[in-house]
Each structure stands twice: as C-alpha cells, then as structure tokens.
Protein backbone atom coordinates (compact mmCIF):
# COMPACT_ATOMS: atom_id res chain seq x y z
CA MET A 1 16.92 33.35 43.20
CA ILE A 2 19.04 31.72 40.50
CA ASN A 3 18.52 28.30 42.06
CA GLN A 4 14.77 28.88 42.16
CA LEU A 5 14.72 29.90 38.49
CA ASN A 6 16.78 26.85 37.57
CA THR A 7 14.43 24.59 39.52
CA TRP A 8 11.42 26.15 37.82
CA TYR A 9 13.11 25.74 34.42
CA GLN A 10 13.81 22.07 35.08
CA GLN A 11 10.18 21.56 36.03
CA HIS A 12 8.70 23.67 33.22
CA PRO A 13 11.29 23.85 30.41
CA LEU A 14 8.87 24.65 27.58
CA LYS A 15 7.08 27.38 29.53
CA ALA A 16 10.40 29.03 30.42
CA ILE A 17 11.66 28.91 26.84
CA LEU A 18 8.38 30.32 25.54
CA TRP A 19 8.63 33.28 27.92
CA VAL A 20 12.21 34.03 26.86
CA GLY A 21 11.31 33.74 23.19
CA PHE A 22 8.31 36.00 23.65
CA PHE A 23 10.44 38.59 25.46
CA PHE A 24 12.72 38.96 22.44
CA ARG A 25 9.74 39.07 20.12
CA LEU A 26 8.23 41.85 22.22
CA LEU A 27 11.46 43.79 21.72
CA ALA A 28 11.02 43.29 17.99
CA VAL A 29 7.37 44.35 18.19
CA TYR A 30 8.37 47.69 19.66
CA PHE A 31 11.70 48.41 17.96
CA ALA A 32 11.73 46.48 14.65
CA LYS A 33 9.72 49.00 12.66
CA GLY A 34 9.60 49.24 8.90
CA TYR A 35 9.64 46.15 6.72
CA GLY A 36 12.19 43.53 5.80
CA TRP A 37 11.64 42.80 2.12
CA HIS A 38 9.53 44.10 -0.73
CA ASP A 39 6.97 41.32 -0.43
CA ASP A 40 6.10 41.68 3.25
CA GLN A 41 5.13 45.31 2.66
CA PHE A 42 3.89 45.63 -0.91
CA LEU A 43 2.20 42.24 -1.32
CA VAL A 44 0.44 42.32 2.03
CA VAL A 45 0.14 45.55 4.02
CA GLU A 46 -0.15 47.99 1.12
CA ILE A 47 -2.75 45.86 -0.63
CA ALA A 48 -4.92 45.36 2.44
CA GLN A 49 -4.79 49.00 3.55
CA SER A 50 -5.72 50.28 0.10
CA TRP A 51 -8.80 48.03 0.17
CA VAL A 52 -9.72 49.31 3.62
CA ASP A 53 -9.43 52.85 2.25
CA GLY A 54 -11.89 51.97 -0.50
CA ILE A 55 -9.54 51.79 -3.48
CA ASP A 56 -7.58 49.08 -5.26
CA PHE A 57 -4.36 51.05 -5.64
CA TYR A 58 -2.25 48.15 -6.92
CA GLY A 59 -4.88 46.63 -9.20
CA TRP A 60 -5.36 43.28 -7.48
CA LEU A 61 -9.14 43.17 -7.91
CA PRO A 62 -11.22 42.84 -11.09
CA SER A 63 -11.61 46.23 -12.77
CA ASP A 64 -14.68 47.67 -14.47
CA ASN A 65 -12.89 47.79 -17.82
CA GLY A 66 -11.56 44.25 -17.46
CA THR A 67 -7.87 45.19 -17.67
CA ASN A 68 -6.85 43.78 -14.27
CA GLU A 69 -5.76 40.16 -14.15
CA PRO A 70 -5.08 37.80 -11.23
CA GLU A 71 -1.67 38.57 -9.72
CA GLY A 72 -0.95 35.00 -8.65
CA PHE A 73 -1.06 35.63 -4.89
CA SER A 74 -3.43 34.14 -2.35
CA PHE A 75 -6.05 36.48 -0.90
CA PHE A 76 -6.16 34.44 2.32
CA TYR A 77 -3.26 36.10 4.17
CA VAL A 78 -3.92 39.52 2.62
CA GLY A 79 -7.56 39.09 3.61
CA ILE A 80 -6.58 38.50 7.23
CA HIS A 81 -4.75 41.83 7.16
CA TYR A 82 -7.76 43.47 5.56
CA ILE A 83 -9.89 42.31 8.49
CA LEU A 84 -7.28 43.46 11.02
CA LEU A 85 -6.85 46.88 9.43
CA TRP A 86 -10.59 47.35 8.89
CA THR A 87 -11.20 46.52 12.56
CA MET A 88 -8.58 49.05 13.63
CA LYS A 89 -10.19 51.69 11.44
CA TRP A 90 -13.58 50.88 12.96
CA LEU A 91 -12.02 51.35 16.41
CA GLY A 92 -10.76 54.78 15.36
CA MET A 93 -7.08 53.91 14.89
CA ILE A 94 -5.62 55.91 12.00
CA ASN A 95 -1.93 56.21 12.82
CA PRO A 96 -0.13 53.75 10.50
CA GLU A 97 2.71 53.19 12.98
CA THR A 98 0.31 52.31 15.78
CA LYS A 99 -1.55 49.89 13.53
CA MET A 100 1.71 48.21 12.52
CA LEU A 101 2.64 47.87 16.20
CA PHE A 102 -0.47 45.76 16.76
CA ILE A 103 0.13 43.77 13.57
CA ARG A 104 3.69 43.01 14.70
CA LEU A 105 2.31 41.89 18.08
CA PHE A 106 -0.18 39.60 16.33
CA HIS A 107 2.64 38.02 14.33
CA ALA A 108 4.87 37.69 17.40
CA LEU A 109 2.16 35.73 19.20
CA TRP A 110 1.52 33.61 16.11
CA SER A 111 5.22 32.74 15.80
CA MET A 112 5.30 31.31 19.33
CA LEU A 113 3.47 28.29 17.93
CA ILE A 114 6.67 27.43 16.07
CA VAL A 115 8.53 27.10 19.37
CA TYR A 116 5.70 25.14 20.97
CA PHE A 117 5.21 22.63 18.16
CA GLY A 118 8.96 22.34 17.56
CA TYR A 119 9.35 21.21 21.16
CA GLN A 120 6.41 18.81 20.95
CA ILE A 121 7.54 17.25 17.66
CA THR A 122 11.07 16.71 18.97
CA LEU A 123 9.69 15.23 22.19
CA LEU A 124 7.69 12.69 20.19
CA LEU A 125 10.68 11.76 18.03
CA SER A 126 13.45 11.91 20.63
CA SER A 127 13.88 13.03 24.26
CA VAL A 128 13.46 16.06 26.51
CA ARG A 129 17.14 16.95 26.08
CA GLU A 130 16.83 17.32 22.31
CA ALA A 131 13.42 18.99 22.64
CA LYS A 132 14.88 21.71 24.88
CA ILE A 133 17.75 22.38 22.47
CA VAL A 134 15.35 22.67 19.54
CA ALA A 135 13.02 24.95 21.48
CA TRP A 136 15.88 27.27 22.46
CA LEU A 137 16.99 27.45 18.83
CA LEU A 138 13.48 28.24 17.65
CA ALA A 139 12.97 30.80 20.42
CA ILE A 140 16.15 32.87 20.21
CA PHE A 141 17.95 32.01 16.98
CA TRP A 142 19.35 35.38 15.96
CA ILE A 143 17.08 36.17 13.01
CA PHE A 144 13.84 34.60 14.26
CA PRO A 145 12.52 37.40 16.54
CA PHE A 146 13.03 39.90 13.70
CA ILE A 147 11.31 37.88 11.00
CA SER A 148 8.64 36.76 13.47
CA VAL A 149 7.15 40.26 13.33
CA ARG A 150 7.42 40.61 9.55
CA ASN A 151 4.49 40.00 7.20
CA LEU A 152 6.47 37.33 5.40
CA VAL A 153 4.50 34.37 4.04
CA GLU A 154 7.63 32.21 4.09
CA TYR A 155 7.63 32.46 7.89
CA VAL A 156 3.94 32.98 8.65
CA SER A 157 3.11 29.63 7.02
CA ILE A 158 5.45 27.71 9.36
CA PRO A 159 3.06 27.34 12.35
CA PHE A 160 0.51 25.61 10.11
CA LEU A 161 3.21 23.27 8.80
CA MET A 162 4.56 22.57 12.29
CA ALA A 163 1.09 21.94 13.71
CA GLY A 164 0.24 19.65 10.81
CA LEU A 165 3.50 17.72 11.16
CA TRP A 166 2.98 17.36 14.90
CA MET A 167 -0.48 15.92 14.28
CA VAL A 168 0.92 13.49 11.71
CA VAL A 169 3.74 12.34 14.00
CA LYS A 170 1.40 12.04 16.98
CA ALA A 171 -1.16 10.10 14.95
CA GLY A 172 1.55 7.73 13.75
CA LYS A 173 2.90 7.17 17.26
CA LYS A 174 -0.46 6.69 18.97
CA ASP A 175 -2.47 5.11 16.14
CA LEU A 176 -5.16 7.79 16.24
CA ARG A 177 -8.38 7.78 14.24
CA PHE A 178 -8.48 8.65 10.56
CA SER A 179 -10.36 11.84 11.43
CA TRP A 180 -7.13 13.03 13.08
CA TRP A 181 -5.26 12.52 9.82
CA PHE A 182 -7.97 14.41 7.96
CA LEU A 183 -7.68 17.30 10.42
CA ALA A 184 -3.89 17.28 10.00
CA GLY A 185 -4.45 17.63 6.26
CA ILE A 186 -6.75 20.61 6.80
CA VAL A 187 -4.06 22.36 8.86
CA LEU A 188 -1.38 21.63 6.26
CA GLY A 189 -3.76 22.92 3.60
CA LEU A 190 -4.01 26.22 5.47
CA ALA A 191 -0.25 26.58 5.05
CA PHE A 192 -0.80 26.29 1.29
CA ASN A 193 -3.41 29.03 1.48
CA VAL A 194 -0.77 31.31 3.00
CA ARG A 195 2.08 30.28 0.70
CA PHE A 196 1.50 28.07 -2.33
CA GLN A 197 5.00 26.55 -2.29
CA THR A 198 4.38 24.84 1.04
CA LEU A 199 2.53 22.20 -0.96
CA ILE A 200 6.00 20.81 -1.73
CA ILE A 201 6.57 20.20 1.99
CA THR A 202 3.11 18.72 2.44
CA GLY A 203 3.71 16.50 -0.58
CA GLY A 204 6.99 15.36 0.95
CA ILE A 205 5.19 14.38 4.15
CA GLY A 206 2.65 12.43 2.11
CA LEU A 207 5.39 10.70 0.13
CA ALA A 208 7.15 9.69 3.35
CA LEU A 209 3.90 8.17 4.61
CA LEU A 210 3.54 6.22 1.36
CA PHE A 211 7.09 4.89 1.70
CA GLN A 212 6.08 3.72 5.17
CA LYS A 213 3.02 2.01 3.63
CA GLN A 214 0.50 4.11 5.52
CA TRP A 215 -1.91 4.14 2.60
CA LYS A 216 -5.19 4.98 4.34
CA GLN A 217 -3.55 7.62 6.52
CA THR A 218 -2.10 9.29 3.44
CA ILE A 219 -5.46 9.29 1.69
CA PHE A 220 -7.26 10.89 4.63
CA MET A 221 -4.53 13.49 5.04
CA ALA A 222 -4.66 14.27 1.32
CA LEU A 223 -8.44 14.67 1.52
CA GLY A 224 -7.96 17.13 4.36
CA VAL A 225 -5.41 19.13 2.37
CA LEU A 226 -7.68 19.19 -0.66
CA SER A 227 -10.69 20.24 1.42
CA SER A 228 -8.75 23.13 2.91
CA MET A 229 -7.55 24.24 -0.51
CA VAL A 230 -11.03 24.07 -2.03
CA VAL A 231 -12.89 25.76 0.82
CA VAL A 232 -10.38 28.59 1.24
CA GLN A 233 -8.46 29.16 -1.98
CA GLY A 234 -11.05 27.80 -4.37
CA VAL A 235 -13.96 29.69 -2.83
CA LEU A 236 -11.98 32.93 -2.45
CA ASP A 237 -10.87 32.91 -6.07
CA TYR A 238 -14.33 32.01 -7.32
CA SER A 239 -16.01 34.73 -5.26
CA VAL A 240 -13.59 37.40 -6.53
CA TRP A 241 -12.78 36.28 -10.09
CA GLY A 242 -15.50 33.77 -10.91
CA ILE A 243 -12.88 31.05 -11.48
CA PRO A 244 -11.71 28.68 -8.72
CA PHE A 245 -7.94 28.50 -8.16
CA VAL A 246 -7.29 31.25 -10.70
CA GLN A 247 -4.62 32.75 -8.44
CA VAL A 248 -2.81 29.42 -8.23
CA ILE A 249 -2.91 29.10 -12.01
CA GLY A 250 -1.62 32.65 -12.35
CA TYR A 251 1.15 31.96 -9.85
CA VAL A 252 2.34 28.86 -11.71
CA ASP A 253 2.11 30.57 -15.09
CA TYR A 254 4.07 33.63 -13.93
CA ASN A 255 6.86 31.59 -12.37
CA MET A 256 7.16 29.36 -15.43
CA HIS A 257 7.70 32.35 -17.70
CA HIS A 258 9.54 34.78 -15.41
CA ALA A 259 11.78 32.58 -13.27
CA ALA A 260 14.96 33.96 -14.80
CA ASP A 261 13.88 37.60 -14.41
CA TYR A 262 15.14 37.65 -10.84
CA VAL A 263 18.30 36.56 -9.03
CA VAL A 264 19.77 33.56 -10.85
CA SER A 265 22.35 31.81 -8.67
CA PRO A 266 24.19 28.44 -8.70
CA TRP A 267 22.36 25.32 -7.55
CA TYR A 268 24.36 25.16 -4.31
CA THR A 269 23.33 28.67 -3.20
CA TYR A 270 20.93 27.48 -0.52
CA LEU A 271 23.38 24.96 0.95
CA LEU A 272 25.90 27.77 1.36
CA PHE A 273 23.22 30.03 2.79
CA LEU A 274 22.09 27.47 5.36
CA SER A 275 25.69 26.67 6.27
CA GLY A 276 26.32 30.36 6.89
CA ILE A 277 23.13 31.59 8.53
CA LEU A 278 23.09 28.71 11.03
CA ILE A 279 26.62 29.69 12.16
CA PRO A 280 29.39 27.17 11.46
CA PRO A 281 30.52 24.73 12.69
CA VAL A 282 27.15 24.12 14.40
CA SER A 283 25.46 24.63 11.03
CA LEU A 284 27.50 21.71 9.73
CA PHE A 285 26.53 19.67 12.79
CA LEU A 286 22.86 20.24 11.97
CA LEU A 287 23.27 19.43 8.29
CA PHE A 288 25.26 16.30 9.12
CA GLY A 289 22.68 15.25 11.70
CA TYR A 290 19.91 15.82 9.17
CA PHE A 291 21.51 13.55 6.56
CA ARG A 292 22.73 10.95 9.05
CA ASN A 293 19.30 10.24 10.52
CA TRP A 294 17.37 10.31 7.26
CA ARG A 295 15.75 6.88 7.47
CA ARG A 296 14.43 7.25 11.01
CA LEU A 297 13.22 10.81 10.43
CA LEU A 298 11.97 10.30 6.89
CA ILE A 299 8.81 12.28 7.71
CA ILE A 300 11.01 15.39 8.08
CA PHE A 301 13.95 14.45 5.88
CA LEU A 302 11.97 13.96 2.68
CA PRO A 303 10.00 17.25 2.72
CA ILE A 304 13.20 19.24 3.35
CA LEU A 305 15.08 17.38 0.63
CA ILE A 306 12.37 17.81 -2.01
CA PHE A 307 11.94 21.48 -1.08
CA LEU A 308 15.69 22.10 -1.36
CA ILE A 309 16.00 20.23 -4.66
CA PHE A 310 13.12 22.19 -6.17
CA HIS A 311 14.45 25.57 -5.09
CA SER A 312 18.02 24.68 -6.01
CA TYR A 313 16.87 23.79 -9.53
CA TYR A 314 14.55 26.79 -9.84
CA PRO A 315 16.48 29.78 -11.30
CA ASN A 316 15.02 32.48 -9.04
CA LYS A 317 16.91 32.11 -5.76
CA GLN A 318 16.25 34.39 -2.81
CA GLU A 319 17.40 33.51 0.68
CA ARG A 320 14.01 34.06 2.29
CA PHE A 321 12.52 31.29 0.14
CA VAL A 322 14.15 28.58 2.30
CA VAL A 323 13.47 30.20 5.68
CA THR A 324 10.41 27.93 5.82
CA ILE A 325 12.48 24.76 6.25
CA ILE A 326 14.95 26.03 8.87
CA PRO A 327 12.81 24.96 11.89
CA PHE A 328 12.42 21.47 10.41
CA LEU A 329 16.15 21.30 9.73
CA MET A 330 16.79 22.26 13.35
CA ILE A 331 14.56 19.44 14.60
CA SER A 332 16.05 16.68 12.45
CA GLY A 333 19.57 18.10 12.69
CA VAL A 334 19.59 18.29 16.48
CA ILE A 335 18.16 14.78 16.89
CA GLY A 336 20.64 13.26 14.44
CA TRP A 337 23.65 15.17 15.73
CA MET A 338 22.96 14.52 19.42
CA GLN A 339 22.86 10.79 18.74
CA LEU A 340 26.23 11.04 17.06
CA GLN A 341 27.58 13.26 19.82
CA GLN A 342 26.51 10.65 22.37
CA ALA A 343 28.67 8.08 20.60
CA TRP A 344 31.70 10.38 20.89
CA GLN A 345 31.28 11.33 24.54
CA ASN A 346 34.17 9.10 25.64
CA ASN A 347 36.57 10.87 23.27
CA LYS A 348 37.54 13.87 25.41
CA ALA A 349 39.21 15.82 22.59
CA ILE A 350 36.19 15.59 20.29
CA ALA A 351 33.75 16.22 23.14
CA ARG A 352 35.70 19.33 24.16
CA TRP A 353 35.75 20.63 20.57
CA ILE A 354 32.00 20.08 20.20
CA LYS A 355 31.32 21.88 23.49
CA ARG A 356 33.45 24.84 22.42
CA SER A 357 31.69 24.91 19.05
CA TRP A 358 28.31 25.25 20.76
CA ILE A 359 29.69 27.97 23.05
CA PHE A 360 30.97 29.79 19.96
CA PHE A 361 27.56 29.37 18.33
CA TRP A 362 25.69 30.92 21.23
CA ILE A 363 28.17 33.80 21.58
CA ILE A 364 27.84 34.71 17.89
CA ASN A 365 24.09 34.17 18.07
CA PHE A 366 23.70 36.68 20.91
CA ILE A 367 26.03 39.17 19.25
CA LEU A 368 23.70 39.10 16.23
CA LEU A 369 20.43 38.65 18.14
CA ILE A 370 20.28 42.02 19.87
CA PRO A 371 20.98 44.40 16.94
CA VAL A 372 18.90 42.38 14.48
CA THR A 373 15.96 42.11 16.88
CA LEU A 374 16.01 45.89 17.38
CA MET A 375 16.53 46.71 13.69
CA TYR A 376 14.37 49.41 12.12
CA SER A 377 14.54 48.14 8.55
CA LYS A 378 14.03 50.33 5.46
CA LYS A 379 13.90 53.32 7.81
CA ALA A 380 14.59 56.03 5.21
CA ARG A 381 11.79 54.91 2.91
CA VAL A 382 9.30 54.59 5.74
CA GLU A 383 10.24 57.86 7.43
CA SER A 384 10.14 59.78 4.14
CA MET A 385 6.50 58.76 3.68
CA ILE A 386 5.69 59.57 7.30
CA TYR A 387 7.23 63.01 6.79
CA LEU A 388 5.23 63.70 3.62
CA SER A 389 2.03 62.49 5.28
CA GLN A 390 2.12 65.58 7.46
CA TYR A 391 1.29 67.69 4.37
CA SER A 392 -2.42 67.07 3.89
CA GLU A 393 -2.47 69.10 0.64
CA LEU A 394 0.11 66.85 -1.03
CA GLN A 395 -1.07 65.85 -4.52
CA HIS A 396 1.98 64.47 -6.31
CA PHE A 397 5.64 63.67 -5.78
CA LEU A 398 8.63 62.59 -7.84
CA ILE A 399 11.27 59.99 -6.98
CA GLU A 400 14.61 60.85 -8.55
CA ASP A 401 17.02 57.90 -8.45
CA VAL A 402 19.24 58.25 -11.52
CA ASN A 403 21.85 55.94 -9.97
CA GLN A 404 19.50 52.99 -10.29
CA SER A 405 17.44 51.25 -12.95
CA VAL A 406 15.09 49.49 -10.52
CA LEU A 407 12.71 51.52 -8.40
CA ARG A 408 12.67 51.06 -4.62
CA PHE A 409 8.93 51.47 -4.06
CA PRO A 410 7.76 54.11 -1.58
CA PRO A 411 5.57 52.52 1.13
CA GLN A 412 2.48 54.67 0.76
CA TYR A 413 0.79 52.86 3.61
CA TYR A 414 2.74 55.29 5.82
CA LEU A 415 1.65 58.24 3.68
CA ASN A 416 -1.87 57.59 4.97
CA HIS A 417 -3.42 58.29 1.58
CA TRP A 418 -2.86 57.07 -1.95
CA ILE A 419 -1.50 59.29 -4.70
CA ARG A 420 0.21 58.63 -8.01
CA TYR A 421 3.85 59.55 -8.30
CA ASP A 422 6.43 59.80 -11.06
CA THR A 423 9.93 58.37 -11.21
CA PHE A 424 13.10 59.58 -12.85
CA MET A 425 15.58 56.72 -13.16
CA ARG A 426 18.88 56.02 -14.91
CA GLU A 427 17.39 55.37 -18.35
CA ASP A 428 15.00 58.32 -18.27
CA SER A 429 15.56 61.39 -20.43
CA LEU A 430 15.27 64.87 -18.96
CA SER A 431 14.01 66.29 -22.24
CA ALA A 432 11.35 63.58 -22.50
CA TYR A 433 10.21 64.30 -18.97
CA ALA A 434 10.10 68.03 -19.75
CA ARG A 435 7.84 67.32 -22.75
CA GLU A 436 5.52 65.27 -20.54
CA LEU A 437 5.24 68.21 -18.17
CA GLN A 438 4.43 70.53 -21.07
CA HIS A 439 1.67 68.17 -22.16
CA GLY A 440 -0.02 68.25 -18.79
CA SER A 441 1.77 65.72 -16.58
CA ALA A 442 1.44 66.48 -12.89
CA VAL A 443 4.00 68.83 -11.38
CA PRO A 444 5.44 67.33 -8.18
CA ASP A 445 4.97 68.98 -4.81
CA PHE A 446 8.08 67.22 -3.56
CA VAL A 447 11.12 65.60 -5.15
CA LEU A 448 12.71 62.72 -3.26
CA PHE A 449 16.36 62.25 -4.20
CA TYR A 450 17.39 58.67 -3.44
CA GLN A 451 21.08 58.23 -2.50
CA PRO A 452 23.60 61.04 -2.05
CA ASP A 453 25.79 60.28 -5.11
CA HIS A 454 26.34 63.43 -7.24
CA LEU A 455 23.47 65.00 -5.34
CA GLU A 456 24.35 68.64 -6.02
CA SER A 457 24.39 68.23 -9.80
CA ARG A 458 21.17 66.20 -9.70
CA ILE A 459 19.42 68.92 -7.73
CA LYS A 460 20.56 71.56 -10.21
CA THR A 461 19.26 69.42 -13.06
CA MET A 462 15.83 69.15 -11.45
CA GLN A 463 15.82 72.87 -10.73
CA THR A 464 15.99 73.52 -14.47
CA LEU A 465 12.47 72.06 -14.56
CA PHE A 466 11.31 73.22 -11.16
CA PRO A 467 13.18 76.42 -10.27
CA ASP A 468 11.31 76.82 -6.98
CA LEU A 469 12.69 73.62 -5.45
CA VAL A 470 13.94 74.27 -1.93
CA TYR A 471 15.56 71.97 0.58
CA GLU A 472 13.12 70.42 3.04
CA THR A 473 14.83 67.64 5.01
CA THR A 474 17.13 64.61 4.82
CA ILE A 475 16.03 61.17 6.00
CA GLU A 476 18.89 58.94 7.11
CA PRO A 477 18.77 55.12 7.00
CA GLY A 478 18.93 53.16 10.23
CA PHE A 479 22.20 51.92 11.65
CA MET A 480 21.58 48.31 10.65
CA ASP A 481 20.50 49.44 7.17
CA GLU A 482 23.92 51.05 6.83
CA VAL A 483 25.67 47.93 8.13
CA LEU A 484 23.80 45.71 5.68
CA PHE A 485 24.68 48.06 2.82
CA TRP A 486 28.34 47.92 3.89
CA LEU A 487 28.23 44.11 3.93
CA ASN A 488 26.47 43.92 0.57
CA PRO A 489 25.63 46.98 -1.59
CA ILE A 490 22.60 45.14 -2.97
CA ASN A 491 20.92 46.10 0.33
CA ASP A 492 20.32 49.57 -1.03
CA ASN A 493 18.66 51.36 1.88
CA GLN A 494 19.55 54.84 0.82
CA ILE A 495 19.68 58.33 2.28
CA ILE A 496 16.66 60.25 0.98
CA THR A 497 16.93 64.00 0.50
CA ILE A 498 13.57 65.75 0.18
CA TYR A 499 13.09 69.00 -1.74
CA ARG A 500 9.81 70.91 -1.73
CA ASN A 501 8.41 72.68 -4.78
CA ASN A 502 7.62 76.11 -3.41
CA ALA A 503 5.53 76.88 -6.49
CA THR A 504 2.94 74.21 -5.69
CA ILE A 505 3.03 73.65 -1.95
CA SER A 506 3.95 76.07 0.80
CA LYS A 507 6.06 75.41 3.83
CA SER A 508 4.04 74.46 6.85
CA THR A 509 4.77 73.30 10.34
CA PRO A 510 4.12 69.57 10.12
CA SER A 511 2.12 68.00 12.88
CA PRO A 512 2.03 64.27 13.55
CA HIS A 513 -1.04 62.13 12.97
CA ASP A 514 -3.46 61.71 15.79
C-alpha cells in the first residue's frame, strides 16, 4: 500500500500535494470557527450580511442625510460576500454558523490555487524537486490552512497575484502574444480590487520587466491592470458614490493621516516576524536564498523587496500585512537555497546539519499545524452573540469592559439581527451613564462583562443602576485563545460573563436557530 502511494506520488506529485493540502483545509472549514482578526469579520462579513438584511448597520453606503462618507475599502470582495449571503438567504439558509461553514469552504477551495500556481511558477523557474518543496510548504505550512478559511484580504488576494505572476513568467519563457500579457495584467488588477496594497507587488513586477527591457510587455500588462481597476473599482465606486475610485482616494487619505494611530513598531519588525514565523533556521535558509538569487529571480525579488521596504517604513505595522508575500518568499527562497545546498552536498557536516534543520522544521510545523488548523478563534465573542440570539425579544445590551479603553466589537452577524448597544469602558463615568439613563437612554436587557478581573465589584456597581440583574451564563474562550493570551496579553480573547436584566426580559428556555 505504501509503495503504491509512493509510486502514485512520484507520478502525480502536484495532485497528491493538493489532496493533502485540501484535507487540512477541510479540517479548518469544519473546526476553525469564529474569526481571526477584526478586519476579516467587521470589514467583510458584518458589512455584507447587514446589506442582505436590508440595512447599512456600519454606514458604508451613502445616507439620505449625506453624513456617510466612503470608508476607503473596496466593495469588490465585500460584494462577493453579499452575493454569497444573499444566495444562501434565497435558498432558505438562516443559521449564521451554517452560512459561515460554506463561506469557509469557498475560501478553502480558493486557496488551493496558491498551491497550484506556486508549483507551476517554481517549475518554470527551476525543477520538479524545488517545485515539490514549494508546493508542500504552501499546502501544509502551519498557519496556512487556518488563514485559508479566513475572510482576510491579505490572503484572499494571493491567488490573483500568483496566477498573474505565473502568466508573466510563462509569457516570458515561451514568448507568448501580447494579449497574454494584457490578460496577466487583468488578473493582477483583480488582486488590487481585493486589496489595494497589492498594487505595490504588481508595480514591482512591472519594474522588473522594465529592468529586463521588456517594454512592450510591460505596457500591455499595465493596460490590463488599468482596465481591471477601471472596470471593477472605478465602476463600483461610481455606481455607489457617483465618483470613480473614491474608495481608493479615501483609503490613501486615511492612511496618510492615521498611520500612527495604530501599532508603531521598529523598521525591522517584519524581518523578525518572517524569521520567526517561518521557523528558524529554515526561515534563515529561505531569506538567504531569496537574497542570494536576486538577479535571476528579479521578477519575484523586486516585488517582495519593494513591498517590505514600504511596510517597514510605514508606521502602522501589523503582522498580517506581510502574509501576502510569504508564498513568493517561499518560491524564491527555496530555489535560491537549494542551489546553494547543492554546492555544499560534498561537505558531509554541513549537509547533515541542513538535513537536521529541515527535519526540525517539519516537526515544529506539524506540532503547530494541528492545533492552529483546529482553532476556534474569538470563541467567547462569537458564542456570546449566538447565546443572545436565542432571545428573540432582545432589544438592547450593554458591554461592560472597564479594564480596557478599546472596545472588542461584538460580532452581531451571529446575533442574527442588528441592534444598537452601549459600552461602559475604563474612561466612562458611572454617574454620567446614570444621567443618560434618566434622560431616556435604552435600558439593557443583558450586560456582558468582558474579562473576569474584579468581576464581583463590577457586578455590584452595575446592580446599583439595574438592581434586577441576575446571572445568566459564562462564555469561556477557546483553548488556543487562552494559549495566545498567555503568549501575548495583547491577544485579549476574554471570558464573557452574561447577566440578564430581569426587569426588561424574562428568563426563557433558549432554542437554537433552525
């Protein structure tokens, strides 16, 4: 049996790797519930579902009174989710968890293109040996199955970039018609329509072509990119706001004026991040291979370099921003490093150390792969909304998180309807809140206490305003949420204790959604 599988693998390496990669993504589809970051939930799913439900809860669309302004985000990817969620509603699917299961499956299938094109690009630039290594990395690198099922534009845009790069490399190798270059530009332009910052990578590819004196090819590719941008982004913005590219303008304007409002880290942050996430010393092999082979692989080297320089200079640094370039780094890094490794094969000591380093890499990778692939992220926040959704008469709730100054948004997609809520944070005054209640502010049906710190005294404080508060339930975070919090307290995936206001809503026996 093992010999037969090995024979089949040798005959069909890409097909075998794709099946293994899809298996782990299927695990993530079923088990990796919740959401990974703020953006993949609140800038995609929440927006699209509120539109499907007939309201613009987050104010992304033009308002009758003219107060809403463009948010600086492309409607292309959100619009795809609108179509998916609308179709599910039309088919009678109302359970938010079931709908997210299908959305995760859609993303898992989409992400398989990264493995496919990664293999094909490497095969064009090197050999089957390197192509298989790259494909295995793209298929089962420890974080990829998890983020493959997330609604994260940084990752969702990669298949367009990989497909476009493959078309460019293939056209250059086989001297294809200019229409092929134009089509490659259209595909790369679609990546821009998902995530604006991918234009840096596309620009790097174009610059590499200019350095190689492929003038006409660059022009046709640029025309393709521009056509894709105009037809999708330009038309979308004009149809919604009456101004083409208004979202792009808003995006640039916001980031110019608010870059320092977020995490400001040293310029070398991303180099450290890549060195760590790719598991040393293999991470160093890949980085060394990337720099060593820069001239031969300029078509990959330059886009990565420009992208890294831009983000290293830009004050707002978040790790997910550079996830987009990891597959490209794997391709160029593996090709460059394997050439160097070939030169050292006669040195037994070095060859043995390199072999052990790769064994160490795969051991650590699999230790991380299983729990991360199965991780239910942001479980407490999701489950708290699912719990409240079982009270159809719910009108209002309060989030009490006096240990924090920044609100962790409740994912109301899982609430299955849209209601306004109040917050009581660190800087808020109890007396001021009491006055608001006296002047007609909504009385909450439930109070959600985020985090267990000083919980008893906080409950007593709230009971001075709402004496009929009674304990309802406690929602615990997932295991991996707790591990991430232990590793870094900034991953604040808290225990949520829910109290019900007996004066406004009576205890009922909750029943799950159909």
